[in-house]
Amino acid sequence: MVLGATAYAEADKIVQLYTLQLGRVRAVVKGIRKPKSKLASSIDLFTESTFSLHKKASGSLYVLGQAKILNSHADLKKDFVAITTLQVLAEMVSQATPEGEPHSEIYALLKETLDALKKEPKSNESLLMAFGLKLMEFLGYPLELETCGECGETLEGKKVYLIPHRGGALCESCQGSGSARFQVSPMGLEVLKKLRRTAADRVHVLKLKPHFSRQLLFTVTGYLERTFEKSFKTPEYYSKVLPLERE
């Protein structure tokens, strides 16, 4: 699946892919920017294809030679909200996953999330949160949401602080000081727990108010940023291009 593409040289592009066999890889697509290129449609965002990839022993980039489109996911690219949602999803994968390390669970989760977005586009923010929480778990960074990571006390009904590199949530007594923390209300904590254990095709059952949903989404993306020490550009862009009305 295609996560994105950038211009390279005079007529080429470097495309970033998430593949079942190789994980996340980068590949040069030669001549793709020429008007008659037959590969142009195969490198659209989240187009799923079979690709022919080869790499020289000394090179870091693959070369993409052929592609056969399996699913263009065209229904997900019909409006601005849907495309922006895909951009956030792509950045989660490209920033959090290591290059050249396959994870069949993540590939399957991507497909499930895309299918759910087609059926329930209004649940886009909940689906992004659910994806981010499960992504961390598959990559070996499970978020502790049941008990305080410091004192071990239950967090049910409490305001908590999500602190990257501490394994998840801490209670108010143990949270200490510092900027790398994300405050979550008792209701927010329950929503995160439900999203993590709910299958993508059932996430739409959770009905969240717009401002609450947006705040919780940015908490999840912020936690991802801090955990993987990568800068995410799409949340800020998302907020600018899809502003919420004042409550």
C-alpha atoms as a PDB file:
ATOM      1  CA  MET A   1       0.000   0.000   0.000  1.00  0.00           C
ATOM      2  CA  VAL A   2       1.182   3.489  -0.849  1.00  0.00           C
ATOM      3  CA  LEU A   3       1.928   5.866   2.033  1.00  0.00           C
ATOM      4  CA  GLY A   4       3.127   8.781  -0.050  1.00  0.00           C
ATOM      5  CA  ALA A   5       5.393   9.951  -2.863  1.00  0.00           C
ATOM      6  CA  THR A   6       7.828  12.808  -3.431  1.00  0.00           C
ATOM      7  CA  ALA A   7       9.462  14.177  -6.574  1.00  0.00           C
ATOM      8  CA  TYR A   8      12.941  12.880  -7.336  1.00  0.00           C
ATOM      9  CA  ALA A   9      15.313  13.880 -10.125  1.00  0.00           C
ATOM     10  CA  GLU A  10      13.785  15.207 -13.348  1.00  0.00           C
ATOM     11  CA  ALA A  11      11.051  12.673 -14.076  1.00  0.00           C
ATOM     12  CA  ASP A  12      11.069  10.241 -11.144  1.00  0.00           C
ATOM     13  CA  LYS A  13       9.461   9.914  -7.740  1.00  0.00           C
ATOM     14  CA  ILE A  14      10.373   8.203  -4.499  1.00  0.00           C
ATOM     15  CA  VAL A  15       7.368   6.311  -3.215  1.00  0.00           C
ATOM     16  CA  GLN A  16       6.935   5.038   0.317  1.00  0.00           C
ATOM     17  CA  LEU A  17       5.142   1.696   0.602  1.00  0.00           C
ATOM     18  CA  TYR A  18       3.888  -0.518   3.388  1.00  0.00           C
ATOM     19  CA  THR A  19       4.153  -4.094   2.184  1.00  0.00           C
ATOM     20  CA  LEU A  20       3.147  -7.449   3.609  1.00  0.00           C
ATOM     21  CA  GLN A  21       6.488  -9.131   2.889  1.00  0.00           C
ATOM     22  CA  LEU A  22       8.976  -6.291   3.487  1.00  0.00           C
ATOM     23  CA  GLY A  23       7.228  -3.872   5.831  1.00  0.00           C
ATOM     24  CA  ARG A  24       7.842  -0.195   5.109  1.00  0.00           C
ATOM     25  CA  VAL A  25      10.155   0.447   2.153  1.00  0.00           C
ATOM     26  CA  ARG A  26      11.084   3.291  -0.171  1.00  0.00           C
ATOM     27  CA  ALA A  27      11.342   2.811  -3.916  1.00  0.00           C
ATOM     28  CA  VAL A  28      12.271   4.909  -6.942  1.00  0.00           C
ATOM     29  CA  VAL A  29       9.670   4.962  -9.704  1.00  0.00           C
ATOM     30  CA  LYS A  30      11.493   5.986 -12.848  1.00  0.00           C
ATOM     31  CA  GLY A  31       9.737   8.174 -15.422  1.00  0.00           C
ATOM     32  CA  ILE A  32       6.587   8.416 -13.308  1.00  0.00           C
ATOM     33  CA  ARG A  33       6.281  12.170 -13.871  1.00  0.00           C
ATOM     34  CA  LYS A  34       6.167  11.803 -17.646  1.00  0.00           C
ATOM     35  CA  PRO A  35       2.670  12.298 -19.137  1.00  0.00           C
ATOM     36  CA  LYS A  36       2.390   8.770 -20.548  1.00  0.00           C
ATOM     37  CA  SER A  37       3.604   6.868 -17.483  1.00  0.00           C
ATOM     38  CA  LYS A  38       1.578   3.688 -16.922  1.00  0.00           C
ATOM     39  CA  LEU A  39       2.436   3.585 -13.224  1.00  0.00           C
ATOM     40  CA  ALA A  40       0.947   6.939 -12.186  1.00  0.00           C
ATOM     41  CA  SER A  41      -2.353   5.573 -10.854  1.00  0.00           C
ATOM     42  CA  SER A  42      -0.599   2.829  -8.881  1.00  0.00           C
ATOM     43  CA  ILE A  43       1.179   5.256  -6.540  1.00  0.00           C
ATOM     44  CA  ASP A  44      -1.875   7.183  -5.344  1.00  0.00           C
ATOM     45  CA  LEU A  45      -2.269   7.334  -1.568  1.00  0.00           C
ATOM     46  CA  PHE A  46      -3.290   3.962  -0.087  1.00  0.00           C
ATOM     47  CA  THR A  47      -3.673   2.293  -3.468  1.00  0.00           C
ATOM     48  CA  GLU A  48      -3.112  -1.406  -2.869  1.00  0.00           C
ATOM     49  CA  SER A  49      -1.144  -3.200  -5.584  1.00  0.00           C
ATOM     50  CA  THR A  50       1.244  -6.022  -6.277  1.00  0.00           C
ATOM     51  CA  PHE A  51       4.625  -4.451  -6.967  1.00  0.00           C
ATOM     52  CA  SER A  52       7.757  -5.688  -8.675  1.00  0.00           C
ATOM     53  CA  LEU A  53      10.658  -4.390  -6.556  1.00  0.00           C
ATOM     54  CA  HIS A  54      14.382  -4.929  -6.901  1.00  0.00           C
ATOM     55  CA  LYS A  55      17.402  -3.404  -5.207  1.00  0.00           C
ATOM     56  CA  LYS A  56      21.128  -3.322  -5.800  1.00  0.00           C
ATOM     57  CA  ALA A  57      23.261  -4.771  -3.036  1.00  0.00           C
ATOM     58  CA  SER A  58      24.812  -1.381  -2.291  1.00  0.00           C
ATOM     59  CA  GLY A  59      21.660   0.701  -2.541  1.00  0.00           C
ATOM     60  CA  SER A  60      19.172   1.746   0.130  1.00  0.00           C
ATOM     61  CA  LEU A  61      16.269   2.303  -2.253  1.00  0.00           C
ATOM     62  CA  TYR A  62      14.294  -0.262  -4.190  1.00  0.00           C
ATOM     63  CA  VAL A  63      13.358   0.314  -7.813  1.00  0.00           C
ATOM     64  CA  LEU A  64       9.692  -0.191  -8.631  1.00  0.00           C
ATOM     65  CA  GLY A  65       9.404  -1.795 -12.040  1.00  0.00           C
ATOM     66  CA  GLN A  66       5.819  -2.996 -12.390  1.00  0.00           C
ATOM     67  CA  ALA A  67       2.525  -2.669 -10.541  1.00  0.00           C
ATOM     68  CA  LYS A  68      -0.884  -4.310 -10.726  1.00  0.00           C
ATOM     69  CA  ILE A  69      -3.621  -2.464  -8.858  1.00  0.00           C
ATOM     70  CA  LEU A  70      -5.698  -4.640  -6.534  1.00  0.00           C
ATOM     71  CA  ASN A  71      -7.747  -1.927  -4.835  1.00  0.00           C
ATOM     72  CA  SER A  72      -7.484   1.799  -5.485  1.00  0.00           C
ATOM     73  CA  HIS A  73      -9.727   2.657  -2.506  1.00  0.00           C
ATOM     74  CA  ALA A  74     -11.199   5.346  -4.748  1.00  0.00           C
ATOM     75  CA  ASP A  75     -14.253   5.693  -2.482  1.00  0.00           C
ATOM     76  CA  LEU A  76     -11.957   7.044   0.244  1.00  0.00           C
ATOM     77  CA  LYS A  77     -10.642   9.868  -1.915  1.00  0.00           C
ATOM     78  CA  LYS A  78     -13.844  11.596  -2.960  1.00  0.00           C
ATOM     79  CA  ASP A  79     -13.826  14.450  -0.471  1.00  0.00           C
ATOM     80  CA  PHE A  80     -11.404  16.608   1.463  1.00  0.00           C
ATOM     81  CA  VAL A  81     -12.181  15.164   4.900  1.00  0.00           C
ATOM     82  CA  ALA A  82     -11.537  11.610   3.711  1.00  0.00           C
ATOM     83  CA  ILE A  83      -8.257  12.495   2.007  1.00  0.00           C
ATOM     84  CA  THR A  84      -7.035  14.404   5.074  1.00  0.00           C
ATOM     85  CA  THR A  85      -7.899  11.405   7.251  1.00  0.00           C
ATOM     86  CA  LEU A  86      -5.813   9.167   4.961  1.00  0.00           C
ATOM     87  CA  GLN A  87      -2.890  11.577   5.238  1.00  0.00           C
ATOM     88  CA  VAL A  88      -2.946  11.328   9.045  1.00  0.00           C
ATOM     89  CA  LEU A  89      -3.169   7.531   8.831  1.00  0.00           C
ATOM     90  CA  ALA A  90      -0.243   7.388   6.398  1.00  0.00           C
ATOM     91  CA  GLU A  91       1.925   9.552   8.633  1.00  0.00           C
ATOM     92  CA  MET A  92       1.229   7.328  11.651  1.00  0.00           C
ATOM     93  CA  VAL A  93       2.554   4.337   9.722  1.00  0.00           C
ATOM     94  CA  SER A  94       5.483   6.065   8.046  1.00  0.00           C
ATOM     95  CA  GLN A  95       6.710   7.728  11.254  1.00  0.00           C
ATOM     96  CA  ALA A  96       6.173   4.884  13.705  1.00  0.00           C
ATOM     97  CA  THR A  97       7.167   1.756  11.790  1.00  0.00           C
ATOM     98  CA  PRO A  98      10.825   0.822  11.229  1.00  0.00           C
ATOM     99  CA  GLU A  99      11.974   0.482   7.651  1.00  0.00           C
ATOM    100  CA  GLY A 100      12.345  -3.045   6.291  1.00  0.00           C
ATOM    101  CA  GLU A 101      10.592  -4.788   9.183  1.00  0.00           C
ATOM    102  CA  PRO A 102       7.420  -6.645   8.170  1.00  0.00           C
ATOM    103  CA  HIS A 103       4.418  -6.813  10.500  1.00  0.00           C
ATOM    104  CA  SER A 104       1.519  -8.765   9.036  1.00  0.00           C
ATOM    105  CA  GLU A 105      -0.694  -7.575  11.917  1.00  0.00           C
ATOM    106  CA  ILE A 106      -0.168  -3.931  10.964  1.00  0.00           C
ATOM    107  CA  TYR A 107      -0.879  -4.639   7.305  1.00  0.00           C
ATOM    108  CA  ALA A 108      -4.121  -6.386   8.273  1.00  0.00           C
ATOM    109  CA  LEU A 109      -5.031  -3.526  10.638  1.00  0.00           C
ATOM    110  CA  LEU A 110      -4.519  -1.016   7.820  1.00  0.00           C
ATOM    111  CA  LYS A 111      -6.873  -2.942   5.542  1.00  0.00           C
ATOM    112  CA  GLU A 112      -9.488  -3.249   8.294  1.00  0.00           C
ATOM    113  CA  THR A 113      -9.261   0.478   9.049  1.00  0.00           C
ATOM    114  CA  LEU A 114      -9.622   1.451   5.389  1.00  0.00           C
ATOM    115  CA  ASP A 115     -12.666  -0.813   5.012  1.00  0.00           C
ATOM    116  CA  ALA A 116     -14.235   0.709   8.133  1.00  0.00           C
ATOM    117  CA  LEU A 117     -13.579   4.242   6.869  1.00  0.00           C
ATOM    118  CA  LYS A 118     -15.489   3.408   3.683  1.00  0.00           C
ATOM    119  CA  LYS A 119     -18.516   2.205   5.626  1.00  0.00           C
ATOM    120  CA  GLU A 120     -18.450   4.761   8.451  1.00  0.00           C
ATOM    121  CA  PRO A 121     -16.649   7.912   7.253  1.00  0.00           C
ATOM    122  CA  LYS A 122     -18.070  10.003  10.107  1.00  0.00           C
ATOM    123  CA  SER A 123     -16.160   7.814  12.580  1.00  0.00           C
ATOM    124  CA  ASN A 124     -12.849   8.852  11.033  1.00  0.00           C
ATOM    125  CA  GLU A 125     -11.330  10.335  14.195  1.00  0.00           C
ATOM    126  CA  SER A 126     -12.311   7.364  16.349  1.00  0.00           C
ATOM    127  CA  LEU A 127     -10.838   5.017  13.742  1.00  0.00           C
ATOM    128  CA  LEU A 128      -7.588   7.000  13.684  1.00  0.00           C
ATOM    129  CA  MET A 129      -7.346   6.780  17.470  1.00  0.00           C
ATOM    130  CA  ALA A 130      -8.098   3.057  17.486  1.00  0.00           C
ATOM    131  CA  PHE A 131      -5.472   2.501  14.802  1.00  0.00           C
ATOM    132  CA  GLY A 132      -2.824   4.479  16.713  1.00  0.00           C
ATOM    133  CA  LEU A 133      -3.447   2.593  19.961  1.00  0.00           C
ATOM    134  CA  LYS A 134      -3.274  -0.810  18.271  1.00  0.00           C
ATOM    135  CA  LEU A 135      -0.250   0.231  16.210  1.00  0.00           C
ATOM    136  CA  MET A 136       1.728   0.946  19.392  1.00  0.00           C
ATOM    137  CA  GLU A 137       0.755  -2.438  20.775  1.00  0.00           C
ATOM    138  CA  PHE A 138       1.881  -4.297  17.629  1.00  0.00           C
ATOM    139  CA  LEU A 139       5.207  -2.431  17.690  1.00  0.00           C
ATOM    140  CA  GLY A 140       5.922  -3.403  21.292  1.00  0.00           C
ATOM    141  CA  TYR A 141       4.794  -0.183  23.001  1.00  0.00           C
ATOM    142  CA  PRO A 142       1.498  -1.178  24.649  1.00  0.00           C
ATOM    143  CA  LEU A 143      -0.175   1.684  26.465  1.00  0.00           C
ATOM    144  CA  GLU A 144      -1.000   0.842  30.091  1.00  0.00           C
ATOM    145  CA  LEU A 145      -4.455   2.248  30.782  1.00  0.00           C
ATOM    146  CA  GLU A 146      -5.756   0.072  33.622  1.00  0.00           C
ATOM    147  CA  THR A 147      -3.337   0.756  36.491  1.00  0.00           C
ATOM    148  CA  CYS A 148      -0.853   3.498  37.317  1.00  0.00           C
ATOM    149  CA  GLY A 149       2.561   2.684  35.868  1.00  0.00           C
ATOM    150  CA  GLU A 150       4.214   3.964  39.054  1.00  0.00           C
ATOM    151  CA  CYS A 151       2.174   2.907  42.095  1.00  0.00           C
ATOM    152  CA  GLY A 152       0.031   0.190  40.533  1.00  0.00           C
ATOM    153  CA  GLU A 153      -3.263   1.634  41.768  1.00  0.00           C
ATOM    154  CA  THR A 154      -6.335   1.289  39.555  1.00  0.00           C
ATOM    155  CA  LEU A 155      -7.029   4.246  37.290  1.00  0.00           C
ATOM    156  CA  GLU A 156     -10.760   3.689  36.963  1.00  0.00           C
ATOM    157  CA  GLY A 157     -12.694   6.917  37.442  1.00  0.00           C
ATOM    158  CA  LYS A 158      -9.541   9.019  37.785  1.00  0.00           C
ATOM    159  CA  LYS A 159      -7.942  11.830  35.830  1.00  0.00           C
ATOM    160  CA  VAL A 160      -4.673  10.466  34.445  1.00  0.00           C
ATOM    161  CA  TYR A 161      -1.575  11.591  32.607  1.00  0.00           C
ATOM    162  CA  LEU A 162      -0.185   9.715  29.626  1.00  0.00           C
ATOM    163  CA  ILE A 163       3.591   9.943  29.813  1.00  0.00           C
ATOM    164  CA  PRO A 164       5.698   8.591  26.941  1.00  0.00           C
ATOM    165  CA  HIS A 165       8.612   6.341  27.934  1.00  0.00           C
ATOM    166  CA  ARG A 166       6.821   5.482  31.181  1.00  0.00           C
ATOM    167  CA  GLY A 167       4.634   2.869  29.534  1.00  0.00           C
ATOM    168  CA  GLY A 168       1.360   4.746  29.608  1.00  0.00           C
ATOM    169  CA  ALA A 169      -0.864   6.336  32.227  1.00  0.00           C
ATOM    170  CA  LEU A 170       0.080   7.602  35.673  1.00  0.00           C
ATOM    171  CA  CYS A 171      -2.272   8.811  38.369  1.00  0.00           C
ATOM    172  CA  GLU A 172      -2.271  12.429  39.498  1.00  0.00           C
ATOM    173  CA  SER A 173      -0.165  11.638  42.591  1.00  0.00           C
ATOM    174  CA  CYS A 174       2.607   9.942  40.567  1.00  0.00           C
ATOM    175  CA  GLN A 175       2.692  12.076  37.428  1.00  0.00           C
ATOM    176  CA  GLY A 176       5.468  14.422  38.654  1.00  0.00           C
ATOM    177  CA  SER A 177       6.437  17.364  36.453  1.00  0.00           C
ATOM    178  CA  GLY A 178       7.597  17.918  32.895  1.00  0.00           C
ATOM    179  CA  SER A 179       6.191  18.879  29.512  1.00  0.00           C
ATOM    180  CA  ALA A 180       5.966  15.407  27.947  1.00  0.00           C
ATOM    181  CA  ARG A 181       2.586  14.496  29.399  1.00  0.00           C
ATOM    182  CA  PHE A 182      -0.975  14.393  28.160  1.00  0.00           C
ATOM    183  CA  GLN A 183      -3.851  14.842  30.593  1.00  0.00           C
ATOM    184  CA  VAL A 184      -6.862  12.582  30.037  1.00  0.00           C
ATOM    185  CA  SER A 185     -10.202  12.798  31.818  1.00  0.00           C
ATOM    186  CA  PRO A 186     -11.872   9.735  33.358  1.00  0.00           C
ATOM    187  CA  MET A 187     -14.270   9.629  30.395  1.00  0.00           C
ATOM    188  CA  GLY A 188     -11.388   9.973  27.934  1.00  0.00           C
ATOM    189  CA  LEU A 189      -9.574   7.091  29.595  1.00  0.00           C
ATOM    190  CA  GLU A 190     -12.623   4.833  29.231  1.00  0.00           C
ATOM    191  CA  VAL A 191     -12.965   5.777  25.549  1.00  0.00           C
ATOM    192  CA  LEU A 192      -9.314   4.954  24.860  1.00  0.00           C
ATOM    193  CA  LYS A 193      -9.707   1.560  26.526  1.00  0.00           C
ATOM    194  CA  LYS A 194     -12.800   0.809  24.453  1.00  0.00           C
ATOM    195  CA  LEU A 195     -11.179   1.937  21.205  1.00  0.00           C
ATOM    196  CA  ARG A 196      -8.155  -0.283  21.766  1.00  0.00           C
ATOM    197  CA  ARG A 197     -10.204  -3.434  22.253  1.00  0.00           C
ATOM    198  CA  THR A 198     -12.881  -2.727  19.633  1.00  0.00           C
ATOM    199  CA  ALA A 199     -12.594  -4.136  16.117  1.00  0.00           C
ATOM    200  CA  ALA A 200     -12.398  -1.499  13.384  1.00  0.00           C
ATOM    201  CA  ASP A 201     -15.794  -2.439  11.968  1.00  0.00           C
ATOM    202  CA  ARG A 202     -17.421  -1.783  15.367  1.00  0.00           C
ATOM    203  CA  VAL A 203     -15.721   1.506  16.271  1.00  0.00           C
ATOM    204  CA  HIS A 204     -18.631   3.501  14.817  1.00  0.00           C
ATOM    205  CA  VAL A 205     -20.790   2.350  17.735  1.00  0.00           C
ATOM    206  CA  LEU A 206     -18.920   4.822  19.960  1.00  0.00           C
ATOM    207  CA  LYS A 207     -20.528   8.233  19.481  1.00  0.00           C
ATOM    208  CA  LEU A 208     -18.239  11.079  20.578  1.00  0.00           C
ATOM    209  CA  LYS A 209     -18.841  14.815  20.648  1.00  0.00           C
ATOM    210  CA  PRO A 210     -16.693  16.645  18.056  1.00  0.00           C
ATOM    211  CA  HIS A 211     -14.517  18.693  20.435  1.00  0.00           C
ATOM    212  CA  PHE A 212     -13.995  15.751  22.785  1.00  0.00           C
ATOM    213  CA  SER A 213     -13.073  13.504  19.854  1.00  0.00           C
ATOM    214  CA  ARG A 214     -10.615  16.034  18.404  1.00  0.00           C
ATOM    215  CA  GLN A 215      -8.861  16.589  21.734  1.00  0.00           C
ATOM    216  CA  LEU A 216      -8.516  12.866  22.316  1.00  0.00           C
ATOM    217  CA  LEU A 217      -7.217  12.316  18.766  1.00  0.00           C
ATOM    218  CA  PHE A 218      -4.472  14.895  19.283  1.00  0.00           C
ATOM    219  CA  THR A 219      -3.610  13.257  22.601  1.00  0.00           C
ATOM    220  CA  VAL A 220      -3.033   9.947  20.796  1.00  0.00           C
ATOM    221  CA  THR A 221      -0.997  11.499  17.961  1.00  0.00           C
ATOM    222  CA  GLY A 222       1.009  13.549  20.485  1.00  0.00           C
ATOM    223  CA  TYR A 223       1.787  10.417  22.457  1.00  0.00           C
ATOM    224  CA  LEU A 224       2.897   8.687  19.248  1.00  0.00           C
ATOM    225  CA  GLU A 225       5.189  11.617  18.445  1.00  0.00           C
ATOM    226  CA  ARG A 226       6.880  11.472  21.833  1.00  0.00           C
ATOM    227  CA  THR A 227       7.105   7.673  21.909  1.00  0.00           C
ATOM    228  CA  PHE A 228       8.765   7.340  18.506  1.00  0.00           C
ATOM    229  CA  GLU A 229      10.581  10.702  18.710  1.00  0.00           C
ATOM    230  CA  LYS A 230       9.280  11.790  15.317  1.00  0.00           C
ATOM    231  CA  SER A 231       7.587  15.024  14.323  1.00  0.00           C
ATOM    232  CA  PHE A 232       4.051  14.612  13.002  1.00  0.00           C
ATOM    233  CA  LYS A 233       2.933  17.348  10.606  1.00  0.00           C
ATOM    234  CA  THR A 234      -0.564  16.172   9.743  1.00  0.00           C
ATOM    235  CA  PRO A 235      -2.361  16.787  13.101  1.00  0.00           C
ATOM    236  CA  GLU A 236      -1.669  20.528  12.931  1.00  0.00           C
ATOM    237  CA  TYR A 237      -2.627  20.540   9.249  1.00  0.00           C
ATOM    238  CA  TYR A 238      -5.755  18.530  10.074  1.00  0.00           C
ATOM    239  CA  SER A 239      -6.786  21.075  12.686  1.00  0.00           C
ATOM    240  CA  LYS A 240      -6.290  23.994  10.297  1.00  0.00           C
ATOM    241  CA  VAL A 241      -8.129  22.566   7.306  1.00  0.00           C
ATOM    242  CA  LEU A 242     -10.926  20.883   9.296  1.00  0.00           C
ATOM    243  CA  PRO A 243     -11.683  23.405  12.057  1.00  0.00           C
ATOM    244  CA  LEU A 244     -14.481  22.756  14.518  1.00  0.00           C
ATOM    245  CA  GLU A 245     -17.256  25.185  15.280  1.00  0.00           C
ATOM    246  CA  ARG A 246     -17.122  26.772  18.705  1.00  0.00           C
ATOM    247  CA  GLU A 247     -19.203  25.048  21.318  1.00  0.00           C
END
